[in-house]
Amino acid sequence: MAAFDGILFSEIVATIFYSFFGLSLLLACWWLVELFTPFSLRKELEEDQNIAIAIVMGAMFVALAVIISSVIRA
């Protein structure tokens, strides 16, 4: 238990808060991309299984996650 002695309760609460904050930002970005594209991304990914769109969306979410984490850490 000596390893956990330096951890404060406020740090745990902040970590949980920023985790949910980052997830909500990612979901908001998904909603905005879905709103501004002329076709349904969900249909393209699920029904048509468009791998190119899946790769682009995955890369976008990785980039957004890196940006959000760097903003939260600053």
C-alpha atoms as a PDB file:
ATOM      1  CA  MET A   1       0.000   0.000   0.000  1.00  0.00           C
ATOM      2  CA  ALA A   2       2.997   2.297   0.206  1.00  0.00           C
ATOM      3  CA  ALA A   3       2.786   2.864  -3.543  1.00  0.00           C
ATOM      4  CA  PHE A   4      -0.643   4.511  -3.180  1.00  0.00           C
ATOM      5  CA  ASP A   5       0.259   6.837  -0.301  1.00  0.00           C
ATOM      6  CA  GLY A   6       1.153   9.747  -2.610  1.00  0.00           C
ATOM      7  CA  ILE A   7      -2.118   9.676  -4.548  1.00  0.00           C
ATOM      8  CA  LEU A   8      -4.615  12.317  -3.537  1.00  0.00           C
ATOM      9  CA  PHE A   9      -8.381  11.925  -3.803  1.00  0.00           C
ATOM     10  CA  SER A  10      -8.574  15.126  -5.886  1.00  0.00           C
ATOM     11  CA  GLU A  11      -6.232  13.580  -8.464  1.00  0.00           C
ATOM     12  CA  ILE A  12      -8.511  10.564  -8.823  1.00  0.00           C
ATOM     13  CA  VAL A  13     -11.591  12.773  -9.220  1.00  0.00           C
ATOM     14  CA  ALA A  14      -9.792  14.955 -11.777  1.00  0.00           C
ATOM     15  CA  THR A  15      -8.727  11.902 -13.761  1.00  0.00           C
ATOM     16  CA  ILE A  16     -12.279  10.571 -13.883  1.00  0.00           C
ATOM     17  CA  PHE A  17     -13.667  14.000 -14.806  1.00  0.00           C
ATOM     18  CA  TYR A  18     -11.177  14.555 -17.623  1.00  0.00           C
ATOM     19  CA  SER A  19     -11.733  11.022 -18.933  1.00  0.00           C
ATOM     20  CA  PHE A  20     -15.448  11.635 -19.301  1.00  0.00           C
ATOM     21  CA  PHE A  21     -14.791  15.131 -20.647  1.00  0.00           C
ATOM     22  CA  GLY A  22     -12.495  13.726 -23.353  1.00  0.00           C
ATOM     23  CA  LEU A  23     -15.017  11.033 -24.268  1.00  0.00           C
ATOM     24  CA  SER A  24     -17.796  13.599 -24.550  1.00  0.00           C
ATOM     25  CA  LEU A  25     -15.607  15.725 -26.835  1.00  0.00           C
ATOM     26  CA  LEU A  26     -14.918  12.710 -29.045  1.00  0.00           C
ATOM     27  CA  LEU A  27     -18.633  11.940 -29.239  1.00  0.00           C
ATOM     28  CA  ALA A  28     -19.383  15.566 -30.083  1.00  0.00           C
ATOM     29  CA  CYS A  29     -16.813  15.432 -32.892  1.00  0.00           C
ATOM     30  CA  TRP A  30     -18.405  12.232 -34.221  1.00  0.00           C
ATOM     31  CA  TRP A  31     -21.792  13.957 -34.197  1.00  0.00           C
ATOM     32  CA  LEU A  32     -20.400  17.003 -36.043  1.00  0.00           C
ATOM     33  CA  VAL A  33     -18.726  14.885 -38.708  1.00  0.00           C
ATOM     34  CA  GLU A  34     -21.939  12.871 -39.134  1.00  0.00           C
ATOM     35  CA  LEU A  35     -23.883  16.141 -39.422  1.00  0.00           C
ATOM     36  CA  PHE A  36     -21.671  17.727 -42.087  1.00  0.00           C
ATOM     37  CA  THR A  37     -21.075  14.729 -44.354  1.00  0.00           C
ATOM     38  CA  PRO A  38     -23.523  14.388 -47.259  1.00  0.00           C
ATOM     39  CA  PHE A  39     -23.987  10.658 -46.609  1.00  0.00           C
ATOM     40  CA  SER A  40     -24.595   8.514 -43.542  1.00  0.00           C
ATOM     41  CA  LEU A  41     -21.310   7.389 -42.046  1.00  0.00           C
ATOM     42  CA  ARG A  42     -23.084   4.777 -39.980  1.00  0.00           C
ATOM     43  CA  LYS A  43     -24.617   3.221 -43.127  1.00  0.00           C
ATOM     44  CA  GLU A  44     -21.281   3.335 -44.954  1.00  0.00           C
ATOM     45  CA  LEU A  45     -19.473   1.651 -42.064  1.00  0.00           C
ATOM     46  CA  GLU A  46     -22.078  -0.924 -41.005  1.00  0.00           C
ATOM     47  CA  GLU A  47     -23.975  -1.903 -44.142  1.00  0.00           C
ATOM     48  CA  ASP A  48     -21.574  -1.134 -46.993  1.00  0.00           C
ATOM     49  CA  GLN A  49     -18.459  -1.945 -44.915  1.00  0.00           C
ATOM     50  CA  ASN A  50     -16.452   0.845 -46.514  1.00  0.00           C
ATOM     51  CA  ILE A  51     -12.935   0.223 -45.206  1.00  0.00           C
ATOM     52  CA  ALA A  52     -11.554   3.530 -46.517  1.00  0.00           C
ATOM     53  CA  ILE A  53     -14.022   5.542 -44.431  1.00  0.00           C
ATOM     54  CA  ALA A  54     -13.286   3.347 -41.410  1.00  0.00           C
ATOM     55  CA  ILE A  55      -9.556   4.050 -41.730  1.00  0.00           C
ATOM     56  CA  VAL A  56     -10.111   7.800 -42.137  1.00  0.00           C
ATOM     57  CA  MET A  57     -12.495   7.947 -39.157  1.00  0.00           C
ATOM     58  CA  GLY A  58     -10.118   5.885 -37.032  1.00  0.00           C
ATOM     59  CA  ALA A  59      -7.221   8.185 -37.883  1.00  0.00           C
ATOM     60  CA  MET A  60      -9.399  11.199 -37.105  1.00  0.00           C
ATOM     61  CA  PHE A  61     -10.314   9.820 -33.676  1.00  0.00           C
ATOM     62  CA  VAL A  62      -6.685   9.012 -32.865  1.00  0.00           C
ATOM     63  CA  ALA A  63      -5.671  12.559 -33.851  1.00  0.00           C
ATOM     64  CA  LEU A  64      -8.506  14.051 -31.804  1.00  0.00           C
ATOM     65  CA  ALA A  65      -7.573  11.907 -28.810  1.00  0.00           C
ATOM     66  CA  VAL A  66      -3.970  13.123 -28.978  1.00  0.00           C
ATOM     67  CA  ILE A  67      -5.102  16.749 -29.252  1.00  0.00           C
ATOM     68  CA  ILE A  68      -7.595  16.439 -26.401  1.00  0.00           C
ATOM     69  CA  SER A  69      -5.091  14.686 -24.140  1.00  0.00           C
ATOM     70  CA  SER A  70      -2.446  17.322 -24.786  1.00  0.00           C
ATOM     71  CA  VAL A  71      -4.929  20.110 -24.031  1.00  0.00           C
ATOM     72  CA  ILE A  72      -6.009  18.416 -20.804  1.00  0.00           C
ATOM     73  CA  ARG A  73      -2.394  17.873 -19.698  1.00  0.00           C
ATOM     74  CA  ALA A  74      -1.417  21.521 -20.318  1.00  0.00           C
END
